Amino acid sequence: MKRLFPLVFLLTAISVSLAQNEPKKQEQGSRPASTNSEAPHQTAYKLEFKLFELDDGKRVNQRDFTLMANAFDHSGPSSNLRSGTRVPVSIPGEKPNYIDVGFTVNCQLVTQGSTLAASIRMEVSSFALPEQSSEAHPMGMPVLRSSNLNLETVITPGKPQVIASIDDVNSKKRMQVEVTATRLD
């Protein structure tokens, strides 16, 4: 019996030790895979923006801008495009400041199941015609016209969609903004 007691004690100690280690192995096996090796799902798109200028309902001008953007299955970084001119604006006696005149677009894409959601911020600015500038500002300073757009919308890939239509308040002109998203594989 004296020999049996140390053997039973040893077997009990081993079984308790194994029982304590078993949940640790199960916990490790039930953990999700390391997040460092998993990248968020993303899909590349080519976004084509077309700005149409209409005069009394007829297209008289068109500007095209193309931007590559990634769509994520959650919020991700935005893609940006800026085309234009930095123009000095000065006040007598002060250093000139510069403003951007032209086209700027910031776009963030998110895939939601089979739909493509887009958050788009756009600014289009230009100088008024000389005859409009002299009427608006008697000192002959140029007048800057600006249209801003900030929207959340759903885009159907492969299909052109008009996302904005903006009237010029001083004429019969109108600007339409169309976007086409093409999935890149």
N, C-alpha and C. Protein backbone atom coordinates (compact mmCIF):
# COMPACT_ATOMS: atom_id res chain seq x y z
N MET A 1 0.81 -1.17 0.00
CA MET A 1 0.00 0.00 0.00
C MET A 1 0.87 1.25 0.00
N LYS A 2 1.99 1.21 0.70
CA LYS A 2 2.88 2.34 0.73
C LYS A 2 3.44 2.61 -0.66
N ARG A 3 3.66 1.59 -1.47
CA ARG A 3 4.17 1.78 -2.83
C ARG A 3 3.06 2.28 -3.76
N LEU A 4 1.86 1.89 -3.51
CA LEU A 4 0.73 2.27 -4.34
C LEU A 4 0.37 3.76 -4.17
N PHE A 5 0.51 4.29 -2.99
CA PHE A 5 0.16 5.68 -2.72
C PHE A 5 0.98 6.64 -3.57
N PRO A 6 2.34 6.54 -3.67
CA PRO A 6 3.09 7.46 -4.52
C PRO A 6 2.70 7.32 -5.99
N LEU A 7 2.37 6.11 -6.44
CA LEU A 7 1.98 5.89 -7.84
C LEU A 7 0.63 6.55 -8.13
N VAL A 8 -0.34 6.40 -7.22
CA VAL A 8 -1.65 7.04 -7.39
C VAL A 8 -1.49 8.56 -7.36
N PHE A 9 -0.65 9.06 -6.46
CA PHE A 9 -0.42 10.50 -6.36
C PHE A 9 0.20 11.02 -7.66
N LEU A 10 1.17 10.31 -8.23
CA LEU A 10 1.82 10.70 -9.47
C LEU A 10 0.83 10.71 -10.63
N LEU A 11 0.00 9.67 -10.75
CA LEU A 11 -0.99 9.61 -11.81
C LEU A 11 -2.03 10.73 -11.68
N THR A 12 -2.43 11.03 -10.48
CA THR A 12 -3.40 12.11 -10.24
C THR A 12 -2.80 13.45 -10.64
N ALA A 13 -1.54 13.67 -10.26
CA ALA A 13 -0.87 14.93 -10.61
C ALA A 13 -0.76 15.08 -12.12
N ILE A 14 -0.44 14.00 -12.82
CA ILE A 14 -0.32 14.04 -14.28
C ILE A 14 -1.68 14.33 -14.92
N SER A 15 -2.72 13.66 -14.45
CA SER A 15 -4.04 13.87 -15.04
C SER A 15 -4.56 15.28 -14.78
N VAL A 16 -4.30 15.84 -13.60
CA VAL A 16 -4.70 17.22 -13.31
C VAL A 16 -3.95 18.18 -14.22
N SER A 17 -2.65 17.94 -14.41
CA SER A 17 -1.84 18.78 -15.28
C SER A 17 -2.35 18.73 -16.71
N LEU A 18 -2.67 17.55 -17.22
CA LEU A 18 -3.20 17.42 -18.58
C LEU A 18 -4.57 18.09 -18.71
N ALA A 19 -5.39 17.96 -17.69
CA ALA A 19 -6.72 18.56 -17.72
C ALA A 19 -6.64 20.09 -17.77
N GLN A 20 -5.64 20.65 -17.08
CA GLN A 20 -5.48 22.11 -17.10
C GLN A 20 -4.97 22.59 -18.45
N ASN A 21 -4.12 21.82 -19.11
CA ASN A 21 -3.58 22.21 -20.42
C ASN A 21 -4.60 22.02 -21.54
N GLU A 22 -5.53 21.12 -21.42
CA GLU A 22 -6.51 20.83 -22.47
C GLU A 22 -7.36 22.05 -22.83
N PRO A 23 -7.90 22.81 -21.86
CA PRO A 23 -8.68 24.00 -22.24
C PRO A 23 -7.84 25.05 -22.97
N LYS A 24 -6.57 25.15 -22.63
CA LYS A 24 -5.71 26.11 -23.32
C LYS A 24 -5.59 25.74 -24.79
N LYS A 25 -5.45 24.44 -25.09
CA LYS A 25 -5.37 24.01 -26.48
C LYS A 25 -6.68 24.29 -27.20
N GLN A 26 -7.81 24.08 -26.54
CA GLN A 26 -9.10 24.34 -27.14
C GLN A 26 -9.29 25.83 -27.38
N GLU A 27 -8.86 26.66 -26.43
CA GLU A 27 -8.97 28.11 -26.59
C GLU A 27 -8.16 28.57 -27.78
N GLN A 28 -6.94 28.05 -27.92
CA GLN A 28 -6.11 28.44 -29.04
C GLN A 28 -6.73 28.00 -30.35
N GLY A 29 -7.31 26.84 -30.40
CA GLY A 29 -7.93 26.35 -31.62
C GLY A 29 -9.20 27.10 -31.97
N SER A 30 -9.90 27.67 -30.98
CA SER A 30 -11.14 28.37 -31.25
C SER A 30 -10.92 29.84 -31.60
N ARG A 31 -9.71 30.34 -31.47
CA ARG A 31 -9.44 31.73 -31.81
C ARG A 31 -9.46 31.90 -33.32
N PRO A 32 -9.91 33.06 -33.79
CA PRO A 32 -9.87 33.31 -35.22
C PRO A 32 -8.42 33.44 -35.68
N ALA A 33 -8.22 33.27 -36.96
CA ALA A 33 -6.87 33.39 -37.53
C ALA A 33 -6.36 34.80 -37.28
N SER A 34 -5.08 34.95 -37.30
CA SER A 34 -4.44 36.23 -37.02
C SER A 34 -4.96 37.30 -37.98
N THR A 35 -5.29 38.46 -37.43
CA THR A 35 -5.79 39.55 -38.26
C THR A 35 -4.70 40.18 -39.10
N ASN A 36 -3.44 39.96 -38.74
CA ASN A 36 -2.35 40.53 -39.52
C ASN A 36 -2.27 39.91 -40.90
N SER A 37 -2.62 38.64 -41.04
CA SER A 37 -2.51 37.98 -42.33
C SER A 37 -3.77 38.18 -43.17
N GLU A 38 -4.86 38.67 -42.58
CA GLU A 38 -6.10 38.86 -43.31
C GLU A 38 -6.21 40.32 -43.76
N ALA A 39 -6.28 40.53 -45.06
CA ALA A 39 -6.45 41.88 -45.59
C ALA A 39 -7.94 42.12 -45.84
N PRO A 40 -8.40 43.35 -45.69
CA PRO A 40 -9.80 43.62 -45.99
C PRO A 40 -10.08 43.38 -47.47
N HIS A 41 -11.27 42.92 -47.77
CA HIS A 41 -11.65 42.64 -49.15
C HIS A 41 -11.80 43.95 -49.91
N GLN A 42 -11.19 44.04 -51.08
CA GLN A 42 -11.30 45.24 -51.89
C GLN A 42 -11.44 44.86 -53.36
N THR A 43 -12.13 45.73 -54.10
CA THR A 43 -12.35 45.54 -55.53
C THR A 43 -11.99 46.85 -56.22
N ALA A 44 -11.25 46.78 -57.30
CA ALA A 44 -10.82 47.97 -58.02
C ALA A 44 -11.87 48.38 -59.05
N TYR A 45 -12.08 49.69 -59.15
CA TYR A 45 -13.02 50.26 -60.12
C TYR A 45 -12.37 51.42 -60.85
N LYS A 46 -12.76 51.58 -62.10
CA LYS A 46 -12.40 52.78 -62.86
C LYS A 46 -13.65 53.66 -62.86
N LEU A 47 -13.51 54.88 -62.37
CA LEU A 47 -14.63 55.82 -62.32
C LEU A 47 -14.42 56.88 -63.39
N GLU A 48 -15.39 56.99 -64.29
CA GLU A 48 -15.33 57.99 -65.35
C GLU A 48 -16.37 59.06 -65.06
N PHE A 49 -15.88 60.27 -64.82
CA PHE A 49 -16.76 61.41 -64.58
C PHE A 49 -16.84 62.23 -65.86
N LYS A 50 -18.04 62.55 -66.29
CA LYS A 50 -18.26 63.39 -67.46
C LYS A 50 -19.06 64.60 -67.01
N LEU A 51 -18.54 65.78 -67.29
CA LEU A 51 -19.22 67.01 -66.99
C LEU A 51 -19.72 67.59 -68.30
N PHE A 52 -21.02 67.68 -68.44
CA PHE A 52 -21.64 68.21 -69.64
C PHE A 52 -22.12 69.61 -69.37
N GLU A 53 -21.83 70.51 -70.31
CA GLU A 53 -22.38 71.85 -70.23
C GLU A 53 -23.49 71.92 -71.27
N LEU A 54 -24.68 72.27 -70.83
CA LEU A 54 -25.83 72.38 -71.71
C LEU A 54 -26.25 73.84 -71.80
N ASP A 55 -26.55 74.28 -73.00
CA ASP A 55 -27.04 75.64 -73.20
C ASP A 55 -28.41 75.54 -73.85
N ASP A 56 -29.41 75.95 -73.11
CA ASP A 56 -30.80 75.85 -73.55
C ASP A 56 -31.17 74.41 -73.95
N GLY A 57 -30.67 73.45 -73.17
CA GLY A 57 -31.00 72.04 -73.36
C GLY A 57 -30.10 71.28 -74.32
N LYS A 58 -29.15 71.94 -75.00
CA LYS A 58 -28.26 71.27 -75.96
C LYS A 58 -26.85 71.19 -75.38
N ARG A 59 -26.22 70.04 -75.56
CA ARG A 59 -24.83 69.89 -75.08
C ARG A 59 -23.89 70.73 -75.93
N VAL A 60 -23.15 71.59 -75.27
CA VAL A 60 -22.21 72.47 -75.97
C VAL A 60 -20.77 72.21 -75.56
N ASN A 61 -20.55 71.48 -74.48
CA ASN A 61 -19.19 71.23 -74.01
C ASN A 61 -19.19 69.98 -73.14
N GLN A 62 -18.05 69.29 -73.13
CA GLN A 62 -17.91 68.10 -72.29
C GLN A 62 -16.49 68.02 -71.77
N ARG A 63 -16.36 67.70 -70.49
CA ARG A 63 -15.06 67.47 -69.86
C ARG A 63 -15.08 66.07 -69.27
N ASP A 64 -14.00 65.31 -69.48
CA ASP A 64 -13.91 63.93 -68.99
C ASP A 64 -12.77 63.81 -67.99
N PHE A 65 -13.03 63.09 -66.89
CA PHE A 65 -12.04 62.83 -65.86
C PHE A 65 -12.16 61.36 -65.46
N THR A 66 -11.02 60.67 -65.35
CA THR A 66 -11.02 59.26 -64.97
C THR A 66 -10.21 59.09 -63.70
N LEU A 67 -10.75 58.28 -62.80
CA LEU A 67 -10.14 58.07 -61.48
C LEU A 67 -10.22 56.59 -61.15
N MET A 68 -9.14 56.01 -60.69
CA MET A 68 -9.14 54.63 -60.21
C MET A 68 -9.39 54.65 -58.71
N ALA A 69 -10.27 53.75 -58.25
CA ALA A 69 -10.62 53.72 -56.82
C ALA A 69 -10.85 52.28 -56.39
N ASN A 70 -10.53 52.00 -55.14
CA ASN A 70 -10.81 50.69 -54.56
C ASN A 70 -12.08 50.78 -53.72
N ALA A 71 -12.92 49.76 -53.87
CA ALA A 71 -14.12 49.64 -53.04
C ALA A 71 -13.82 48.60 -51.97
N PHE A 72 -14.12 48.92 -50.74
CA PHE A 72 -13.89 48.02 -49.62
C PHE A 72 -15.23 47.52 -49.10
N ASP A 73 -15.19 46.44 -48.33
CA ASP A 73 -16.42 45.93 -47.73
C ASP A 73 -16.74 46.66 -46.43
N HIS A 74 -16.00 47.67 -46.13
CA HIS A 74 -16.23 48.56 -45.00
C HIS A 74 -15.63 49.90 -45.39
N SER A 75 -15.72 50.87 -44.54
CA SER A 75 -15.17 52.18 -44.85
C SER A 75 -13.66 52.09 -45.07
N GLY A 76 -13.20 52.68 -46.14
CA GLY A 76 -11.77 52.65 -46.46
C GLY A 76 -11.31 54.03 -46.90
N PRO A 77 -10.09 54.12 -47.41
CA PRO A 77 -9.56 55.42 -47.84
C PRO A 77 -10.29 55.93 -49.07
N SER A 78 -10.26 57.23 -49.26
CA SER A 78 -10.90 57.82 -50.45
C SER A 78 -9.85 58.02 -51.54
N SER A 79 -10.34 58.12 -52.76
CA SER A 79 -9.48 58.42 -53.92
C SER A 79 -9.75 59.86 -54.32
N ASN A 80 -8.71 60.55 -54.76
CA ASN A 80 -8.81 61.98 -55.05
C ASN A 80 -8.26 62.30 -56.42
N LEU A 81 -8.85 63.30 -57.06
CA LEU A 81 -8.36 63.80 -58.34
C LEU A 81 -8.55 65.31 -58.34
N ARG A 82 -7.51 66.02 -58.75
CA ARG A 82 -7.60 67.47 -58.84
C ARG A 82 -6.94 67.89 -60.14
N SER A 83 -7.66 68.72 -60.90
CA SER A 83 -7.14 69.25 -62.15
C SER A 83 -7.51 70.72 -62.20
N GLY A 84 -6.52 71.57 -62.40
CA GLY A 84 -6.84 72.99 -62.45
C GLY A 84 -5.62 73.85 -62.36
N THR A 85 -5.84 75.06 -61.90
CA THR A 85 -4.80 76.07 -61.83
C THR A 85 -4.83 76.71 -60.46
N ARG A 86 -3.63 76.97 -59.91
CA ARG A 86 -3.56 77.73 -58.66
C ARG A 86 -3.39 79.20 -59.06
N VAL A 87 -4.32 80.01 -58.63
CA VAL A 87 -4.37 81.41 -59.05
C VAL A 87 -4.06 82.31 -57.86
N PRO A 88 -3.14 83.27 -58.06
CA PRO A 88 -2.85 84.19 -56.95
C PRO A 88 -3.99 85.21 -56.77
N VAL A 89 -4.36 85.42 -55.54
CA VAL A 89 -5.37 86.42 -55.20
C VAL A 89 -4.72 87.32 -54.16
N SER A 90 -4.69 88.62 -54.46
CA SER A 90 -3.99 89.49 -53.52
C SER A 90 -4.86 90.68 -53.12
N ILE A 91 -4.57 91.14 -51.94
CA ILE A 91 -5.16 92.36 -51.41
C ILE A 91 -4.00 93.34 -51.31
N PRO A 92 -4.18 94.58 -51.78
CA PRO A 92 -3.05 95.54 -51.74
C PRO A 92 -2.41 95.60 -50.35
N GLY A 93 -1.08 95.49 -50.35
CA GLY A 93 -0.32 95.58 -49.12
C GLY A 93 -0.13 94.25 -48.40
N GLU A 94 -0.72 93.16 -48.91
CA GLU A 94 -0.57 91.85 -48.28
C GLU A 94 0.04 90.85 -49.27
N LYS A 95 0.59 89.79 -48.71
CA LYS A 95 1.13 88.73 -49.57
C LYS A 95 -0.02 88.03 -50.29
N PRO A 96 0.20 87.62 -51.55
CA PRO A 96 -0.89 86.94 -52.26
C PRO A 96 -1.18 85.55 -51.69
N ASN A 97 -2.43 85.20 -51.69
CA ASN A 97 -2.87 83.85 -51.38
C ASN A 97 -3.21 83.17 -52.69
N TYR A 98 -3.17 81.85 -52.68
CA TYR A 98 -3.49 81.11 -53.90
C TYR A 98 -4.76 80.31 -53.69
N ILE A 99 -5.60 80.29 -54.71
CA ILE A 99 -6.81 79.47 -54.68
C ILE A 99 -6.77 78.50 -55.86
N ASP A 100 -7.41 77.35 -55.69
CA ASP A 100 -7.49 76.36 -56.76
C ASP A 100 -8.72 76.62 -57.60
N VAL A 101 -8.53 76.69 -58.91
CA VAL A 101 -9.63 76.87 -59.85
C VAL A 101 -9.59 75.69 -60.80
N GLY A 102 -10.69 74.98 -60.90
CA GLY A 102 -10.73 73.82 -61.79
C GLY A 102 -11.69 72.77 -61.28
N PHE A 103 -11.24 71.53 -61.29
CA PHE A 103 -12.08 70.39 -60.93
C PHE A 103 -11.40 69.58 -59.83
N THR A 104 -12.16 69.26 -58.79
CA THR A 104 -11.66 68.42 -57.71
C THR A 104 -12.74 67.40 -57.36
N VAL A 105 -12.34 66.14 -57.22
CA VAL A 105 -13.29 65.11 -56.78
C VAL A 105 -12.61 64.21 -55.75
N ASN A 106 -13.33 63.90 -54.69
CA ASN A 106 -12.93 62.93 -53.68
C ASN A 106 -14.03 61.88 -53.65
N CYS A 107 -13.64 60.61 -53.72
CA CYS A 107 -14.64 59.55 -53.80
C CYS A 107 -14.22 58.39 -52.91
N GLN A 108 -15.19 57.89 -52.14
CA GLN A 108 -14.97 56.72 -51.30
C GLN A 108 -16.03 55.69 -51.67
N LEU A 109 -15.57 54.46 -52.00
CA LEU A 109 -16.47 53.40 -52.43
C LEU A 109 -16.55 52.30 -51.37
N VAL A 110 -17.76 51.78 -51.17
CA VAL A 110 -17.98 50.69 -50.24
C VAL A 110 -18.91 49.68 -50.91
N THR A 111 -18.52 48.40 -50.89
CA THR A 111 -19.39 47.36 -51.42
C THR A 111 -20.31 46.90 -50.30
N GLN A 112 -21.59 46.82 -50.60
CA GLN A 112 -22.60 46.37 -49.64
C GLN A 112 -23.38 45.26 -50.33
N GLY A 113 -22.89 44.04 -50.17
CA GLY A 113 -23.50 42.92 -50.89
C GLY A 113 -23.21 43.07 -52.37
N SER A 114 -24.25 43.16 -53.19
CA SER A 114 -24.05 43.31 -54.63
C SER A 114 -24.12 44.77 -55.07
N THR A 115 -24.29 45.70 -54.13
CA THR A 115 -24.37 47.11 -54.50
C THR A 115 -23.06 47.83 -54.23
N LEU A 116 -22.88 48.94 -54.94
CA LEU A 116 -21.69 49.77 -54.79
C LEU A 116 -22.14 51.14 -54.29
N ALA A 117 -21.84 51.45 -53.04
CA ALA A 117 -22.18 52.75 -52.46
C ALA A 117 -21.02 53.70 -52.66
N ALA A 118 -21.35 54.94 -52.98
CA ALA A 118 -20.32 55.95 -53.23
C ALA A 118 -20.60 57.20 -52.42
N SER A 119 -19.55 57.70 -51.81
CA SER A 119 -19.58 59.00 -51.14
C SER A 119 -18.71 59.91 -51.99
N ILE A 120 -19.33 60.92 -52.61
CA ILE A 120 -18.63 61.77 -53.58
C ILE A 120 -18.68 63.22 -53.14
N ARG A 121 -17.52 63.85 -53.13
CA ARG A 121 -17.40 65.30 -52.91
C ARG A 121 -16.75 65.87 -54.15
N MET A 122 -17.38 66.88 -54.74
CA MET A 122 -16.87 67.43 -55.98
C MET A 122 -16.99 68.94 -55.96
N GLU A 123 -16.00 69.59 -56.55
CA GLU A 123 -16.05 71.04 -56.73
C GLU A 123 -15.60 71.36 -58.13
N VAL A 124 -16.38 72.20 -58.81
CA VAL A 124 -16.04 72.69 -60.13
C VAL A 124 -16.05 74.20 -60.05
N SER A 125 -14.92 74.83 -60.39
CA SER A 125 -14.86 76.29 -60.32
C SER A 125 -14.23 76.82 -61.60
N SER A 126 -14.64 78.02 -61.97
CA SER A 126 -14.10 78.67 -63.17
C SER A 126 -14.31 80.17 -63.02
N PHE A 127 -13.66 80.90 -63.91
CA PHE A 127 -13.85 82.34 -63.92
C PHE A 127 -15.05 82.69 -64.78
N ALA A 128 -15.78 83.70 -64.38
CA ALA A 128 -16.92 84.17 -65.17
C ALA A 128 -16.39 84.81 -66.45
N LEU A 129 -17.23 84.88 -67.45
CA LEU A 129 -16.86 85.54 -68.71
C LEU A 129 -16.53 87.01 -68.42
N PRO A 130 -15.65 87.61 -69.22
CA PRO A 130 -15.25 89.01 -68.94
C PRO A 130 -16.43 89.96 -68.84
N GLU A 131 -17.44 89.80 -69.71
CA GLU A 131 -18.58 90.72 -69.63
C GLU A 131 -19.39 90.51 -68.35
N GLN A 132 -19.41 89.29 -67.80
CA GLN A 132 -20.10 89.03 -66.55
C GLN A 132 -19.27 89.55 -65.37
N SER A 133 -17.94 89.50 -65.49
CA SER A 133 -17.06 89.95 -64.41
C SER A 133 -17.15 91.46 -64.21
N SER A 134 -17.15 92.21 -65.31
CA SER A 134 -17.16 93.67 -65.18
C SER A 134 -18.46 94.15 -64.57
N GLU A 135 -19.57 93.45 -64.86
CA GLU A 135 -20.85 93.84 -64.26
C GLU A 135 -20.88 93.50 -62.77
N ALA A 136 -20.31 92.36 -62.42
CA ALA A 136 -20.38 91.91 -61.03
C ALA A 136 -19.38 92.64 -60.14
N HIS A 137 -18.24 93.01 -60.70
CA HIS A 137 -17.21 93.66 -59.89
C HIS A 137 -16.68 94.86 -60.68
N PRO A 138 -17.05 96.06 -60.29
CA PRO A 138 -16.69 97.25 -61.07
C PRO A 138 -15.20 97.52 -61.17
N MET A 139 -14.38 96.99 -60.28
CA MET A 139 -12.94 97.27 -60.33
C MET A 139 -12.21 96.36 -61.31
N GLY A 140 -12.94 95.53 -62.06
CA GLY A 140 -12.31 94.70 -63.06
C GLY A 140 -11.70 93.41 -62.53
N MET A 141 -11.88 93.14 -61.26
CA MET A 141 -11.34 91.90 -60.69
C MET A 141 -12.14 90.71 -61.24
N PRO A 142 -11.47 89.59 -61.49
CA PRO A 142 -12.19 88.43 -62.01
C PRO A 142 -13.17 87.87 -60.98
N VAL A 143 -14.25 87.33 -61.49
CA VAL A 143 -15.27 86.73 -60.64
C VAL A 143 -15.14 85.22 -60.75
N LEU A 144 -15.11 84.55 -59.64
CA LEU A 144 -14.96 83.10 -59.60
C LEU A 144 -16.33 82.47 -59.42
N ARG A 145 -16.64 81.49 -60.27
CA ARG A 145 -17.89 80.73 -60.15
C ARG A 145 -17.54 79.37 -59.60
N SER A 146 -18.39 78.86 -58.72
CA SER A 146 -18.09 77.58 -58.08
C SER A 146 -19.37 76.79 -57.88
N SER A 147 -19.29 75.48 -58.16
CA SER A 147 -20.39 74.55 -57.87
C SER A 147 -19.82 73.43 -57.01
N ASN A 148 -20.48 73.17 -55.90
CA ASN A 148 -20.04 72.12 -54.98
C ASN A 148 -21.09 71.04 -54.90
N LEU A 149 -20.62 69.82 -54.75
CA LEU A 149 -21.51 68.67 -54.68
C LEU A 149 -20.99 67.75 -53.59
N ASN A 150 -21.87 67.32 -52.71
CA ASN A 150 -21.51 66.39 -51.65
C ASN A 150 -22.67 65.42 -51.53
N LEU A 151 -22.47 64.15 -51.95
CA LEU A 151 -23.60 63.22 -51.96
C LEU A 151 -23.19 61.80 -51.62
N GLU A 152 -24.19 61.06 -51.17
CA GLU A 152 -24.07 59.62 -50.91
C GLU A 152 -25.05 58.98 -51.89
N THR A 153 -24.58 58.03 -52.70
CA THR A 153 -25.45 57.41 -53.69
C THR A 153 -25.03 55.97 -53.93
N VAL A 154 -25.86 55.26 -54.66
CA VAL A 154 -25.56 53.89 -55.08
C VAL A 154 -25.30 53.93 -56.58
N ILE A 155 -24.20 53.34 -57.00
CA ILE A 155 -23.82 53.32 -58.40
C ILE A 155 -23.98 51.90 -58.94
N THR A 156 -24.58 51.78 -60.10
CA THR A 156 -24.69 50.50 -60.78
C THR A 156 -23.49 50.35 -61.70
N PRO A 157 -22.57 49.41 -61.41
CA PRO A 157 -21.38 49.26 -62.26
C PRO A 157 -21.74 48.99 -63.72
N GLY A 158 -20.97 49.65 -64.61
CA GLY A 158 -21.15 49.46 -66.04
C GLY A 158 -22.25 50.31 -66.66
N LYS A 159 -22.95 51.09 -65.85
CA LYS A 159 -24.08 51.87 -66.34
C LYS A 159 -23.85 53.35 -66.04
N PRO A 160 -23.85 54.24 -67.08
CA PRO A 160 -23.69 55.68 -66.82
C PRO A 160 -24.88 56.21 -66.03
N GLN A 161 -24.60 57.03 -65.02
CA GLN A 161 -25.65 57.61 -64.19
C GLN A 161 -25.41 59.10 -64.00
N VAL A 162 -26.44 59.90 -64.20
CA VAL A 162 -26.36 61.32 -63.91
C VAL A 162 -26.53 61.46 -62.40
N ILE A 163 -25.51 62.01 -61.74
CA ILE A 163 -25.57 62.14 -60.28
C ILE A 163 -25.87 63.56 -59.84
N ALA A 164 -25.80 64.53 -60.78
CA ALA A 164 -26.12 65.91 -60.42
C ALA A 164 -26.45 66.70 -61.67
N SER A 165 -27.30 67.69 -61.50
CA SER A 165 -27.66 68.62 -62.55
C SER A 165 -27.77 69.99 -61.89
N ILE A 166 -26.96 70.94 -62.35
CA ILE A 166 -26.85 72.23 -61.68
C ILE A 166 -27.09 73.35 -62.68
N ASP A 167 -28.06 74.20 -62.40
CA ASP A 167 -28.34 75.35 -63.25
C ASP A 167 -27.38 76.49 -62.95
N ASP A 168 -26.96 77.20 -64.00
CA ASP A 168 -26.20 78.43 -63.84
C ASP A 168 -27.22 79.52 -63.57
N VAL A 169 -27.09 80.21 -62.46
CA VAL A 169 -28.08 81.20 -62.06
C VAL A 169 -28.09 82.43 -62.95
N ASN A 170 -27.02 82.65 -63.75
CA ASN A 170 -26.93 83.86 -64.57
C ASN A 170 -27.21 83.62 -66.05
N SER A 171 -27.59 82.40 -66.42
CA SER A 171 -27.81 82.13 -67.84
C SER A 171 -28.76 80.95 -67.99
N LYS A 172 -28.91 80.51 -69.23
CA LYS A 172 -29.74 79.33 -69.50
C LYS A 172 -28.88 78.07 -69.54
N LYS A 173 -27.68 78.17 -69.01
CA LYS A 173 -26.76 77.03 -69.03
C LYS A 173 -27.01 76.13 -67.83
N ARG A 174 -26.63 74.88 -68.00
CA ARG A 174 -26.78 73.87 -66.95
C ARG A 174 -25.57 72.94 -67.05
N MET A 175 -25.13 72.45 -65.91
CA MET A 175 -24.05 71.47 -65.88
C MET A 175 -24.64 70.15 -65.37
N GLN A 176 -24.34 69.07 -66.08
CA GLN A 176 -24.73 67.73 -65.62
C GLN A 176 -23.47 66.94 -65.33
N VAL A 177 -23.51 66.17 -64.24
CA VAL A 177 -22.38 65.33 -63.85
C VAL A 177 -22.84 63.87 -64.00
N GLU A 178 -22.09 63.13 -64.80
CA GLU A 178 -22.40 61.71 -65.02
C GLU A 178 -21.20 60.88 -64.56
N VAL A 179 -21.47 59.75 -63.95
CA VAL A 179 -20.40 58.85 -63.51
C VAL A 179 -20.70 57.44 -64.00
N THR A 180 -19.64 56.75 -64.43
CA THR A 180 -19.72 55.34 -64.81
C THR A 180 -18.63 54.61 -64.04
N ALA A 181 -19.01 53.58 -63.31
CA ALA A 181 -18.05 52.75 -62.55
C ALA A 181 -17.88 51.44 -63.31
N THR A 182 -16.63 51.11 -63.65
CA THR A 182 -16.33 49.86 -64.34
C THR A 182 -15.45 49.02 -63.43
N ARG A 183 -15.93 47.82 -63.11
CA ARG A 183 -15.16 46.93 -62.24
C ARG A 183 -13.95 46.39 -63.00
N LEU A 184 -12.79 46.41 -62.34
CA LEU A 184 -11.56 45.90 -62.93
C LEU A 184 -11.24 44.56 -62.29
N ASP A 185 -11.05 43.55 -63.07
CA ASP A 185 -10.72 42.22 -62.54
C ASP A 185 -9.30 41.84 -62.85
